[in-house]
Amino acid sequence: MAQHKHAIDRNELERVVGEITKEIRSGDDWGEATKQIGALSGIDTRQFGIAILTRDGDVVCGGDAETPFSIQSISKVFSLELALEAHGDALWERVGRDPSGDPFNSVIDLERQKGHPRNPFINAGALIVVDMLLDTRGPDAEVQAVVEFVARLLDDETFDLNDEVAKSDNDAGSLNRAMLNIAKHFGNVRNGVDKIMSAYVRQCAIELSCRQLARVGRFLMLEGPDDAANRNLEAARRSRRILSLMMTCGLYDGAGEFAYRVGLPAKSGIGGGILAIAPNTASIAVWSPGLDESGNSKLGTLALEMLTDRLDWSSFGKIRTL
């Protein structure tokens, strides 16, 4: 594979990942697993994995990087990509692009906005995105489209959908159904609530390891200018727009704190995973199922903060010269 002008030193990356993994595992405050989904509530929180896929194709892993976990809301990135590809800017007539400042499952905020979710990464917005996919694909095809999208990015490497997690998600979905009914009241839902919920909980039940998730996230990396001739420009524009939303909305009401500490666009899930992108540099996946008060991985966030500080990776520019 061709080497880029600013290729990443693999030895340095391995050293940093090893240090971070050791430091994270030596701590004693792992956070608490989600209580919202019964199938995930009893998971052992003393687990941590990290995987980095660089623009040169190198993969560096640490900890429990091969342990599959439920990606949950990280799947919203993939359904958004598919919906933008299918509908283009018409999507924004039904979903906003602003941070919410409220919990990801706020019913009050949706009512205040007359059924128009603030962004596609809170639950209400993600449900409208799924509704729009159902408009063009039908419920079964939509579920299969998300799965096939992930499979294509993994080159058909095996992964699972956890039926127990999907059922648990569905059983705990009263707030999601309430939000769909509010949006339907304001004319912003086209398909049946049960059809939308079925598609939504199944995409959330996709299980990937950190290594796999980093591979799937590569399409968002926006590889360097010397790769531009090999990219579809419209796909690159979609990726850039999705990255902007990940930066401002990807970690719910913790997005501002995350941007301050880490400085990369990212999307979290209550299964404890975070997909972060260092544009033109790397796709990064971390997982630790203990969550903070915003529902984001506590130690995953800390690990990303360590990583970006030690490697000087930030969307806001470098502070060290090499």
C-alpha atoms as a PDB file:
ATOM      1  CA  MET A   1       0.000   0.000   0.000  1.00  0.00           C
ATOM      2  CA  ALA A   2       1.263   3.459  -0.904  1.00  0.00           C
ATOM      3  CA  GLN A   3       2.721   5.455   1.928  1.00  0.00           C
ATOM      4  CA  HIS A   4       1.379   8.940   2.529  1.00  0.00           C
ATOM      5  CA  LYS A   5       3.511  11.973   3.082  1.00  0.00           C
ATOM      6  CA  HIS A   6       2.485  12.143   6.718  1.00  0.00           C
ATOM      7  CA  ALA A   7       2.309   8.411   7.448  1.00  0.00           C
ATOM      8  CA  ILE A   8       1.707   7.464  11.067  1.00  0.00           C
ATOM      9  CA  ASP A   9       4.533   5.758  12.922  1.00  0.00           C
ATOM     10  CA  ARG A  10       3.102   2.326  13.751  1.00  0.00           C
ATOM     11  CA  ASN A  11       5.623   1.715  16.540  1.00  0.00           C
ATOM     12  CA  GLU A  12       4.643   4.981  18.197  1.00  0.00           C
ATOM     13  CA  LEU A  13       0.958   4.142  17.834  1.00  0.00           C
ATOM     14  CA  GLU A  14       1.443   0.691  19.361  1.00  0.00           C
ATOM     15  CA  ARG A  15       3.370   2.206  22.260  1.00  0.00           C
ATOM     16  CA  VAL A  16       0.665   4.787  22.989  1.00  0.00           C
ATOM     17  CA  VAL A  17      -2.189   2.275  22.687  1.00  0.00           C
ATOM     18  CA  GLY A  18      -0.345  -0.118  24.998  1.00  0.00           C
ATOM     19  CA  GLU A  19       0.215   2.614  27.591  1.00  0.00           C
ATOM     20  CA  ILE A  20      -3.407   3.740  27.489  1.00  0.00           C
ATOM     21  CA  THR A  21      -4.733   0.188  27.780  1.00  0.00           C
ATOM     22  CA  LYS A  22      -2.530  -0.479  30.804  1.00  0.00           C
ATOM     23  CA  GLU A  23      -3.516   2.782  32.513  1.00  0.00           C
ATOM     24  CA  ILE A  24      -7.238   2.278  31.888  1.00  0.00           C
ATOM     25  CA  ARG A  25      -7.168  -1.274  33.202  1.00  0.00           C
ATOM     26  CA  SER A  26      -5.325  -0.236  36.360  1.00  0.00           C
ATOM     27  CA  GLY A  27      -8.137   2.100  37.461  1.00  0.00           C
ATOM     28  CA  ASP A  28     -11.021   1.217  39.757  1.00  0.00           C
ATOM     29  CA  ASP A  29     -13.861   3.493  38.555  1.00  0.00           C
ATOM     30  CA  TRP A  30     -15.418   1.735  35.570  1.00  0.00           C
ATOM     31  CA  GLY A  31     -18.829   3.416  35.551  1.00  0.00           C
ATOM     32  CA  GLU A  32     -22.168   1.605  35.506  1.00  0.00           C
ATOM     33  CA  ALA A  33     -23.834  -0.412  32.753  1.00  0.00           C
ATOM     34  CA  THR A  34     -27.028   0.926  31.226  1.00  0.00           C
ATOM     35  CA  LYS A  35     -30.217   0.174  33.140  1.00  0.00           C
ATOM     36  CA  GLN A  36     -32.435   1.012  30.173  1.00  0.00           C
ATOM     37  CA  ILE A  37     -31.945  -2.290  28.337  1.00  0.00           C
ATOM     38  CA  GLY A  38     -32.341  -5.409  30.449  1.00  0.00           C
ATOM     39  CA  ALA A  39     -30.140  -7.572  28.229  1.00  0.00           C
ATOM     40  CA  LEU A  40     -27.221  -5.167  28.739  1.00  0.00           C
ATOM     41  CA  SER A  41     -27.746  -4.234  32.390  1.00  0.00           C
ATOM     42  CA  GLY A  42     -25.820  -7.175  33.849  1.00  0.00           C
ATOM     43  CA  ILE A  43     -22.695  -6.912  31.700  1.00  0.00           C
ATOM     44  CA  ASP A  44     -19.288  -6.961  33.358  1.00  0.00           C
ATOM     45  CA  THR A  45     -18.162  -3.325  33.224  1.00  0.00           C
ATOM     46  CA  ARG A  46     -14.511  -4.178  33.858  1.00  0.00           C
ATOM     47  CA  GLN A  47     -13.791  -4.526  30.157  1.00  0.00           C
ATOM     48  CA  PHE A  48     -11.986  -2.175  27.809  1.00  0.00           C
ATOM     49  CA  GLY A  49     -11.038  -2.394  24.165  1.00  0.00           C
ATOM     50  CA  ILE A  50      -9.540  -0.027  21.624  1.00  0.00           C
ATOM     51  CA  ALA A  51      -8.774  -0.351  17.914  1.00  0.00           C
ATOM     52  CA  ILE A  52      -7.315   2.152  15.462  1.00  0.00           C
ATOM     53  CA  LEU A  53      -7.364   1.845  11.682  1.00  0.00           C
ATOM     54  CA  THR A  54      -5.039   4.372  10.072  1.00  0.00           C
ATOM     55  CA  ARG A  55      -5.349   5.876   6.624  1.00  0.00           C
ATOM     56  CA  ASP A  56      -2.458   3.646   5.538  1.00  0.00           C
ATOM     57  CA  GLY A  57      -4.437   0.539   6.504  1.00  0.00           C
ATOM     58  CA  ASP A  58      -2.537  -0.330   9.674  1.00  0.00           C
ATOM     59  CA  VAL A  59      -4.646  -1.730  12.529  1.00  0.00           C
ATOM     60  CA  VAL A  60      -3.472  -1.330  16.121  1.00  0.00           C
ATOM     61  CA  CYS A  61      -5.507  -2.869  18.949  1.00  0.00           C
ATOM     62  CA  GLY A  62      -5.428  -2.995  22.722  1.00  0.00           C
ATOM     63  CA  GLY A  63      -7.364  -4.735  25.468  1.00  0.00           C
ATOM     64  CA  ASP A  64     -10.654  -6.445  24.593  1.00  0.00           C
ATOM     65  CA  ALA A  65     -10.607  -5.258  20.997  1.00  0.00           C
ATOM     66  CA  GLU A  66     -11.978  -8.561  19.660  1.00  0.00           C
ATOM     67  CA  THR A  67     -14.954  -8.780  22.048  1.00  0.00           C
ATOM     68  CA  PRO A  68     -18.258  -8.130  20.237  1.00  0.00           C
ATOM     69  CA  PHE A  69     -20.641  -5.605  21.804  1.00  0.00           C
ATOM     70  CA  SER A  70     -23.999  -4.103  20.937  1.00  0.00           C
ATOM     71  CA  ILE A  71     -23.344  -0.954  18.903  1.00  0.00           C
ATOM     72  CA  GLN A  72     -26.744   0.536  19.763  1.00  0.00           C
ATOM     73  CA  SER A  73     -26.880   4.233  18.738  1.00  0.00           C
ATOM     74  CA  ILE A  74     -23.645   4.065  16.768  1.00  0.00           C
ATOM     75  CA  SER A  75     -25.864   2.426  14.140  1.00  0.00           C
ATOM     76  CA  LYS A  76     -27.521   5.823  13.644  1.00  0.00           C
ATOM     77  CA  VAL A  77     -24.435   6.900  11.694  1.00  0.00           C
ATOM     78  CA  PHE A  78     -24.992   4.093   9.190  1.00  0.00           C
ATOM     79  CA  SER A  79     -28.737   4.613   8.783  1.00  0.00           C
ATOM     80  CA  LEU A  80     -28.109   8.349   8.342  1.00  0.00           C
ATOM     81  CA  GLU A  81     -25.613   7.638   5.562  1.00  0.00           C
ATOM     82  CA  LEU A  82     -28.178   5.449   3.801  1.00  0.00           C
ATOM     83  CA  ALA A  83     -30.989   7.986   4.258  1.00  0.00           C
ATOM     84  CA  LEU A  84     -28.851  10.861   2.962  1.00  0.00           C
ATOM     85  CA  GLU A  85     -27.881   8.759  -0.030  1.00  0.00           C
ATOM     86  CA  ALA A  86     -31.548   7.975  -0.736  1.00  0.00           C
ATOM     87  CA  HIS A  87     -33.152  11.345   0.047  1.00  0.00           C
ATOM     88  CA  GLY A  88     -30.417  13.963  -0.066  1.00  0.00           C
ATOM     89  CA  ASP A  89     -31.190  17.322   1.536  1.00  0.00           C
ATOM     90  CA  ALA A  90     -34.912  16.479   1.658  1.00  0.00           C
ATOM     91  CA  LEU A  91     -34.044  14.643   4.874  1.00  0.00           C
ATOM     92  CA  TRP A  92     -33.508  17.989   6.607  1.00  0.00           C
ATOM     93  CA  GLU A  93     -37.119  18.989   5.974  1.00  0.00           C
ATOM     94  CA  ARG A  94     -38.082  16.443   8.632  1.00  0.00           C
ATOM     95  CA  VAL A  95     -35.049  16.388  10.971  1.00  0.00           C
ATOM     96  CA  GLY A  96     -32.956  19.297  12.258  1.00  0.00           C
ATOM     97  CA  ARG A  97     -29.211  19.670  12.585  1.00  0.00           C
ATOM     98  CA  ASP A  98     -28.833  21.381  15.964  1.00  0.00           C
ATOM     99  CA  PRO A  99     -27.633  20.018  19.325  1.00  0.00           C
ATOM    100  CA  SER A 100     -30.506  19.264  21.659  1.00  0.00           C
ATOM    101  CA  GLY A 101     -29.063  20.110  25.072  1.00  0.00           C
ATOM    102  CA  ASP A 102     -31.541  17.567  26.453  1.00  0.00           C
ATOM    103  CA  PRO A 103     -31.351  13.820  27.121  1.00  0.00           C
ATOM    104  CA  PHE A 104     -31.333  11.653  23.979  1.00  0.00           C
ATOM    105  CA  ASN A 105     -34.839  10.322  24.723  1.00  0.00           C
ATOM    106  CA  SER A 106     -36.544  13.610  25.663  1.00  0.00           C
ATOM    107  CA  VAL A 107     -40.270  13.631  24.845  1.00  0.00           C
ATOM    108  CA  ILE A 108     -40.703  17.236  26.007  1.00  0.00           C
ATOM    109  CA  ASP A 109     -38.206  18.576  23.495  1.00  0.00           C
ATOM    110  CA  LEU A 110     -39.956  16.815  20.604  1.00  0.00           C
ATOM    111  CA  GLU A 111     -43.336  18.241  21.613  1.00  0.00           C
ATOM    112  CA  ARG A 112     -41.779  21.683  21.934  1.00  0.00           C
ATOM    113  CA  GLN A 113     -40.446  21.332  18.371  1.00  0.00           C
ATOM    114  CA  LYS A 114     -43.862  20.227  17.025  1.00  0.00           C
ATOM    115  CA  GLY A 115     -42.683  16.747  16.075  1.00  0.00           C
ATOM    116  CA  HIS A 116     -39.523  17.938  14.314  1.00  0.00           C
ATOM    117  CA  PRO A 117     -36.480  16.356  16.058  1.00  0.00           C
ATOM    118  CA  ARG A 118     -33.483  18.607  16.590  1.00  0.00           C
ATOM    119  CA  ASN A 119     -30.968  16.203  15.023  1.00  0.00           C
ATOM    120  CA  PRO A 120     -30.695  12.657  13.630  1.00  0.00           C
ATOM    121  CA  PHE A 121     -28.684  11.283  16.556  1.00  0.00           C
ATOM    122  CA  ILE A 122     -31.177  11.732  19.362  1.00  0.00           C
ATOM    123  CA  ASN A 123     -33.705   8.901  19.450  1.00  0.00           C
ATOM    124  CA  ALA A 124     -36.566  10.893  17.932  1.00  0.00           C
ATOM    125  CA  GLY A 125     -34.393  11.964  15.015  1.00  0.00           C
ATOM    126  CA  ALA A 126     -33.041   8.470  14.425  1.00  0.00           C
ATOM    127  CA  LEU A 127     -36.593   7.113  14.338  1.00  0.00           C
ATOM    128  CA  ILE A 128     -37.590   9.651  11.675  1.00  0.00           C
ATOM    129  CA  VAL A 129     -34.489   8.645   9.684  1.00  0.00           C
ATOM    130  CA  VAL A 130     -35.642   5.007   9.848  1.00  0.00           C
ATOM    131  CA  ASP A 131     -39.137   6.096   8.805  1.00  0.00           C
ATOM    132  CA  MET A 132     -37.645   7.771   5.741  1.00  0.00           C
ATOM    133  CA  LEU A 133     -35.733   4.610   4.869  1.00  0.00           C
ATOM    134  CA  LEU A 134     -38.955   2.635   5.117  1.00  0.00           C
ATOM    135  CA  ASP A 135     -40.534   5.045   2.626  1.00  0.00           C
ATOM    136  CA  THR A 136     -38.172   3.887  -0.085  1.00  0.00           C
ATOM    137  CA  ARG A 137     -37.187   0.356   0.936  1.00  0.00           C
ATOM    138  CA  GLY A 138     -39.886  -1.285   3.044  1.00  0.00           C
ATOM    139  CA  PRO A 139     -39.316  -2.574   6.617  1.00  0.00           C
ATOM    140  CA  ASP A 140     -37.494  -5.814   5.823  1.00  0.00           C
ATOM    141  CA  ALA A 141     -35.309  -4.248   3.142  1.00  0.00           C
ATOM    142  CA  GLU A 142     -34.380  -1.364   5.438  1.00  0.00           C
ATOM    143  CA  VAL A 143     -33.134  -3.694   8.150  1.00  0.00           C
ATOM    144  CA  GLN A 144     -31.251  -5.685   5.574  1.00  0.00           C
ATOM    145  CA  ALA A 145     -29.827  -2.510   4.001  1.00  0.00           C
ATOM    146  CA  VAL A 146     -28.127  -1.464   7.262  1.00  0.00           C
ATOM    147  CA  VAL A 147     -26.814  -4.982   7.824  1.00  0.00           C
ATOM    148  CA  GLU A 148     -25.592  -5.250   4.244  1.00  0.00           C
ATOM    149  CA  PHE A 149     -23.938  -1.842   4.486  1.00  0.00           C
ATOM    150  CA  VAL A 150     -21.954  -2.972   7.538  1.00  0.00           C
ATOM    151  CA  ALA A 151     -21.157  -6.309   5.873  1.00  0.00           C
ATOM    152  CA  ARG A 152     -19.901  -4.581   2.741  1.00  0.00           C
ATOM    153  CA  LEU A 153     -17.572  -2.365   4.749  1.00  0.00           C
ATOM    154  CA  LEU A 154     -16.288  -5.447   6.581  1.00  0.00           C
ATOM    155  CA  ASP A 155     -15.776  -7.376   3.323  1.00  0.00           C
ATOM    156  CA  ASP A 156     -18.365  -9.899   4.549  1.00  0.00           C
ATOM    157  CA  GLU A 157     -16.501 -10.668   7.779  1.00  0.00           C
ATOM    158  CA  THR A 158     -18.895 -12.414  10.147  1.00  0.00           C
ATOM    159  CA  PHE A 159     -20.854 -10.432  12.728  1.00  0.00           C
ATOM    160  CA  ASP A 160     -24.115 -11.025  14.604  1.00  0.00           C
ATOM    161  CA  LEU A 161     -27.438  -9.390  15.393  1.00  0.00           C
ATOM    162  CA  ASN A 162     -28.317 -10.095  19.029  1.00  0.00           C
ATOM    163  CA  ASP A 163     -32.003 -11.089  19.094  1.00  0.00           C
ATOM    164  CA  GLU A 164     -32.119 -10.898  22.896  1.00  0.00           C
ATOM    165  CA  VAL A 165     -30.884  -7.310  22.825  1.00  0.00           C
ATOM    166  CA  ALA A 166     -33.355  -6.424  20.058  1.00  0.00           C
ATOM    167  CA  LYS A 167     -36.243  -7.860  22.087  1.00  0.00           C
ATOM    168  CA  SER A 168     -35.063  -6.079  25.223  1.00  0.00           C
ATOM    169  CA  ASP A 169     -34.752  -2.810  23.277  1.00  0.00           C
ATOM    170  CA  ASN A 170     -38.260  -3.294  21.929  1.00  0.00           C
ATOM    171  CA  ASP A 171     -39.715  -4.158  25.346  1.00  0.00           C
ATOM    172  CA  ALA A 172     -38.148  -1.005  26.816  1.00  0.00           C
ATOM    173  CA  GLY A 173     -39.297   1.136  23.893  1.00  0.00           C
ATOM    174  CA  SER A 174     -42.296   2.932  25.416  1.00  0.00           C
ATOM    175  CA  LEU A 175     -40.576   6.340  25.222  1.00  0.00           C
ATOM    176  CA  ASN A 176     -39.561   5.725  21.619  1.00  0.00           C
ATOM    177  CA  ARG A 177     -43.137   4.802  20.758  1.00  0.00           C
ATOM    178  CA  ALA A 178     -44.356   7.918  22.545  1.00  0.00           C
ATOM    179  CA  MET A 179     -41.992  10.063  20.479  1.00  0.00           C
ATOM    180  CA  LEU A 180     -43.132   8.423  17.263  1.00  0.00           C
ATOM    181  CA  ASN A 181     -46.753   9.088  18.170  1.00  0.00           C
ATOM    182  CA  ILE A 182     -46.000  12.724  18.969  1.00  0.00           C
ATOM    183  CA  ALA A 183     -44.210  13.118  15.633  1.00  0.00           C
ATOM    184  CA  LYS A 184     -47.118  11.329  13.924  1.00  0.00           C
ATOM    185  CA  HIS A 185     -49.561  13.757  15.556  1.00  0.00           C
ATOM    186  CA  PHE A 186     -47.644  16.610  13.890  1.00  0.00           C
ATOM    187  CA  GLY A 187     -47.568  14.813  10.526  1.00  0.00           C
ATOM    188  CA  ASN A 188     -43.890  13.806  10.586  1.00  0.00           C
ATOM    189  CA  VAL A 189     -44.304  10.005  10.506  1.00  0.00           C
ATOM    190  CA  ARG A 190     -45.332   8.094   7.385  1.00  0.00           C
ATOM    191  CA  ASN A 191     -45.127   4.437   8.404  1.00  0.00           C
ATOM    192  CA  GLY A 192     -46.554   2.375  11.237  1.00  0.00           C
ATOM    193  CA  VAL A 193     -44.992   2.794  14.662  1.00  0.00           C
ATOM    194  CA  ASP A 194     -44.395  -0.939  15.081  1.00  0.00           C
ATOM    195  CA  LYS A 195     -42.682  -1.210  11.681  1.00  0.00           C
ATOM    196  CA  ILE A 196     -40.355   1.662  12.536  1.00  0.00           C
ATOM    197  CA  MET A 197     -39.564   0.218  15.969  1.00  0.00           C
ATOM    198  CA  SER A 198     -38.835  -3.227  14.523  1.00  0.00           C
ATOM    199  CA  ALA A 199     -36.328  -1.814  12.063  1.00  0.00           C
ATOM    200  CA  TYR A 200     -34.767   0.505  14.662  1.00  0.00           C
ATOM    201  CA  VAL A 201     -34.165  -2.068  17.402  1.00  0.00           C
ATOM    202  CA  ARG A 202     -32.634  -4.547  14.968  1.00  0.00           C
ATOM    203  CA  GLN A 203     -30.049  -2.073  13.674  1.00  0.00           C
ATOM    204  CA  CYS A 204     -29.168  -1.212  17.289  1.00  0.00           C
ATOM    205  CA  ALA A 205     -28.661  -4.927  18.019  1.00  0.00           C
ATOM    206  CA  ILE A 206     -25.774  -5.292  15.565  1.00  0.00           C
ATOM    207  CA  GLU A 207     -22.735  -6.609  17.442  1.00  0.00           C
ATOM    208  CA  LEU A 208     -19.215  -5.623  16.397  1.00  0.00           C
ATOM    209  CA  SER A 209     -15.807  -5.725  18.033  1.00  0.00           C
ATOM    210  CA  CYS A 210     -13.681  -2.588  18.309  1.00  0.00           C
ATOM    211  CA  ARG A 211     -11.539  -3.847  15.442  1.00  0.00           C
ATOM    212  CA  GLN A 212     -14.590  -4.361  13.249  1.00  0.00           C
ATOM    213  CA  LEU A 213     -16.146  -1.027  14.191  1.00  0.00           C
ATOM    214  CA  ALA A 214     -12.951   0.821  13.312  1.00  0.00           C
ATOM    215  CA  ARG A 215     -13.034  -0.869   9.883  1.00  0.00           C
ATOM    216  CA  VAL A 216     -16.668   0.077   9.349  1.00  0.00           C
ATOM    217  CA  GLY A 217     -15.912   3.695  10.288  1.00  0.00           C
ATOM    218  CA  ARG A 218     -13.262   4.052   7.612  1.00  0.00           C
ATOM    219  CA  PHE A 219     -15.753   5.450   5.089  1.00  0.00           C
ATOM    220  CA  LEU A 220     -15.971   8.572   7.280  1.00  0.00           C
ATOM    221  CA  MET A 221     -12.225   9.101   7.472  1.00  0.00           C
ATOM    222  CA  LEU A 222     -12.114  11.479   4.479  1.00  0.00           C
ATOM    223  CA  GLU A 223      -8.719  10.284   3.349  1.00  0.00           C
ATOM    224  CA  GLY A 224      -6.162  12.832   2.263  1.00  0.00           C
ATOM    225  CA  PRO A 225      -6.024  15.087  -0.800  1.00  0.00           C
ATOM    226  CA  ASP A 226      -3.888  12.557  -2.668  1.00  0.00           C
ATOM    227  CA  ASP A 227      -6.807  10.109  -2.404  1.00  0.00           C
ATOM    228  CA  ALA A 228      -9.367  12.554  -3.823  1.00  0.00           C
ATOM    229  CA  ALA A 229      -9.207  11.149  -7.351  1.00  0.00           C
ATOM    230  CA  ASN A 230     -10.347   7.771  -6.047  1.00  0.00           C
ATOM    231  CA  ARG A 231     -13.340   9.068  -4.062  1.00  0.00           C
ATOM    232  CA  ASN A 232     -16.923   9.685  -5.008  1.00  0.00           C
ATOM    233  CA  LEU A 233     -17.306  13.401  -4.311  1.00  0.00           C
ATOM    234  CA  GLU A 234     -20.943  13.172  -3.278  1.00  0.00           C
ATOM    235  CA  ALA A 235     -20.118  10.383  -0.824  1.00  0.00           C
ATOM    236  CA  ALA A 236     -17.270  12.527   0.520  1.00  0.00           C
ATOM    237  CA  ARG A 237     -19.666  15.445   1.014  1.00  0.00           C
ATOM    238  CA  ARG A 238     -22.047  13.187   2.932  1.00  0.00           C
ATOM    239  CA  SER A 239     -19.201  11.994   5.139  1.00  0.00           C
ATOM    240  CA  ARG A 240     -18.142  15.549   5.917  1.00  0.00           C
ATOM    241  CA  ARG A 241     -21.689  16.512   6.849  1.00  0.00           C
ATOM    242  CA  ILE A 242     -22.113  13.433   9.021  1.00  0.00           C
ATOM    243  CA  LEU A 243     -18.823  14.243  10.780  1.00  0.00           C
ATOM    244  CA  SER A 244     -20.073  17.749  11.553  1.00  0.00           C
ATOM    245  CA  LEU A 245     -23.174  16.291  13.196  1.00  0.00           C
ATOM    246  CA  MET A 246     -21.097  13.754  15.093  1.00  0.00           C
ATOM    247  CA  MET A 247     -19.019  16.607  16.521  1.00  0.00           C
ATOM    248  CA  THR A 248     -22.005  18.667  17.663  1.00  0.00           C
ATOM    249  CA  CYS A 249     -24.614  15.993  18.425  1.00  0.00           C
ATOM    250  CA  GLY A 250     -22.934  12.571  18.552  1.00  0.00           C
ATOM    251  CA  LEU A 251     -22.681  12.293  22.330  1.00  0.00           C
ATOM    252  CA  TYR A 252     -26.071  13.761  23.221  1.00  0.00           C
ATOM    253  CA  ASP A 253     -25.995  16.351  26.007  1.00  0.00           C
ATOM    254  CA  GLY A 254     -22.364  15.367  26.636  1.00  0.00           C
ATOM    255  CA  ALA A 255     -21.254  16.484  23.160  1.00  0.00           C
ATOM    256  CA  GLY A 256     -19.762  19.789  24.289  1.00  0.00           C
ATOM    257  CA  GLU A 257     -17.761  18.192  27.089  1.00  0.00           C
ATOM    258  CA  PHE A 258     -16.511  15.507  24.699  1.00  0.00           C
ATOM    259  CA  ALA A 259     -15.507  18.057  22.058  1.00  0.00           C
ATOM    260  CA  TYR A 260     -13.574  19.978  24.727  1.00  0.00           C
ATOM    261  CA  ARG A 261     -11.788  16.908  26.072  1.00  0.00           C
ATOM    262  CA  VAL A 262     -11.263  14.882  22.892  1.00  0.00           C
ATOM    263  CA  GLY A 263     -11.709  17.235  19.940  1.00  0.00           C
ATOM    264  CA  LEU A 264     -12.863  14.621  17.410  1.00  0.00           C
ATOM    265  CA  PRO A 265     -16.253  13.885  15.822  1.00  0.00           C
ATOM    266  CA  ALA A 266     -17.685  10.774  17.426  1.00  0.00           C
ATOM    267  CA  LYS A 267     -20.829   8.726  17.988  1.00  0.00           C
ATOM    268  CA  SER A 268     -21.546   6.781  21.135  1.00  0.00           C
ATOM    269  CA  GLY A 269     -23.951   4.006  22.091  1.00  0.00           C
ATOM    270  CA  ILE A 270     -25.284   2.911  25.470  1.00  0.00           C
ATOM    271  CA  GLY A 271     -23.664  -0.460  24.894  1.00  0.00           C
ATOM    272  CA  GLY A 272     -20.429   1.347  25.817  1.00  0.00           C
ATOM    273  CA  GLY A 273     -18.952   1.817  22.358  1.00  0.00           C
ATOM    274  CA  ILE A 274     -17.687   5.014  20.748  1.00  0.00           C
ATOM    275  CA  LEU A 275     -16.699   5.458  17.115  1.00  0.00           C
ATOM    276  CA  ALA A 276     -14.400   8.477  16.684  1.00  0.00           C
ATOM    277  CA  ILE A 277     -12.867   9.822  13.500  1.00  0.00           C
ATOM    278  CA  ALA A 278      -9.593  11.713  13.160  1.00  0.00           C
ATOM    279  CA  PRO A 279     -10.215  13.213   9.695  1.00  0.00           C
ATOM    280  CA  ASN A 280      -7.633  12.237   7.087  1.00  0.00           C
ATOM    281  CA  THR A 281      -5.874  10.203   9.780  1.00  0.00           C
ATOM    282  CA  ALA A 282      -7.694   7.319  11.478  1.00  0.00           C
ATOM    283  CA  SER A 283     -10.922   5.585  12.405  1.00  0.00           C
ATOM    284  CA  ILE A 284     -10.963   4.782  16.122  1.00  0.00           C
ATOM    285  CA  ALA A 285     -13.257   2.502  18.118  1.00  0.00           C
ATOM    286  CA  VAL A 286     -13.285   2.162  21.889  1.00  0.00           C
ATOM    287  CA  TRP A 287     -15.513   0.118  24.155  1.00  0.00           C
ATOM    288  CA  SER A 288     -16.078  -0.066  27.869  1.00  0.00           C
ATOM    289  CA  PRO A 289     -19.665  -0.746  28.995  1.00  0.00           C
ATOM    290  CA  GLY A 290     -19.600   1.428  32.120  1.00  0.00           C
ATOM    291  CA  LEU A 291     -21.337   4.730  31.340  1.00  0.00           C
ATOM    292  CA  ASP A 292     -21.164   8.302  32.635  1.00  0.00           C
ATOM    293  CA  GLU A 293     -24.161  10.467  33.549  1.00  0.00           C
ATOM    294  CA  SER A 294     -24.803  11.342  29.889  1.00  0.00           C
ATOM    295  CA  GLY A 295     -24.942   7.700  28.830  1.00  0.00           C
ATOM    296  CA  ASN A 296     -21.524   7.667  27.167  1.00  0.00           C
ATOM    297  CA  SER A 297     -18.702   5.236  27.905  1.00  0.00           C
ATOM    298  CA  LYS A 298     -16.809   6.645  30.872  1.00  0.00           C
ATOM    299  CA  LEU A 299     -13.472   4.977  30.226  1.00  0.00           C
ATOM    300  CA  GLY A 300     -13.905   5.061  26.454  1.00  0.00           C
ATOM    301  CA  THR A 301     -14.075   8.845  26.652  1.00  0.00           C
ATOM    302  CA  LEU A 302     -11.035   8.943  28.948  1.00  0.00           C
ATOM    303  CA  ALA A 303      -9.063   6.698  26.589  1.00  0.00           C
ATOM    304  CA  LEU A 304      -9.864   8.921  23.606  1.00  0.00           C
ATOM    305  CA  GLU A 305      -8.826  11.978  25.592  1.00  0.00           C
ATOM    306  CA  MET A 306      -5.483  10.317  26.370  1.00  0.00           C
ATOM    307  CA  LEU A 307      -5.040   9.233  22.756  1.00  0.00           C
ATOM    308  CA  THR A 308      -5.693  12.616  21.173  1.00  0.00           C
ATOM    309  CA  ASP A 309      -3.464  14.375  23.693  1.00  0.00           C
ATOM    310  CA  ARG A 310      -0.524  12.020  23.256  1.00  0.00           C
ATOM    311  CA  LEU A 311      -0.756  11.802  19.463  1.00  0.00           C
ATOM    312  CA  ASP A 312      -1.810  15.437  18.967  1.00  0.00           C
ATOM    313  CA  TRP A 313      -4.873  14.402  16.953  1.00  0.00           C
ATOM    314  CA  SER A 314      -7.615  17.014  16.918  1.00  0.00           C
ATOM    315  CA  SER A 315     -10.086  18.487  14.475  1.00  0.00           C
ATOM    316  CA  PHE A 316      -8.995  21.871  15.790  1.00  0.00           C
ATOM    317  CA  GLY A 317      -5.376  21.672  14.654  1.00  0.00           C
ATOM    318  CA  LYS A 318      -2.049  20.511  16.031  1.00  0.00           C
ATOM    319  CA  ILE A 319      -0.320  22.148  18.975  1.00  0.00           C
ATOM    320  CA  ARG A 320       3.051  20.439  18.527  1.00  0.00           C
ATOM    321  CA  THR A 321       5.405  20.595  15.562  1.00  0.00           C
ATOM    322  CA  LEU A 322       7.325  17.509  14.513  1.00  0.00           C
END
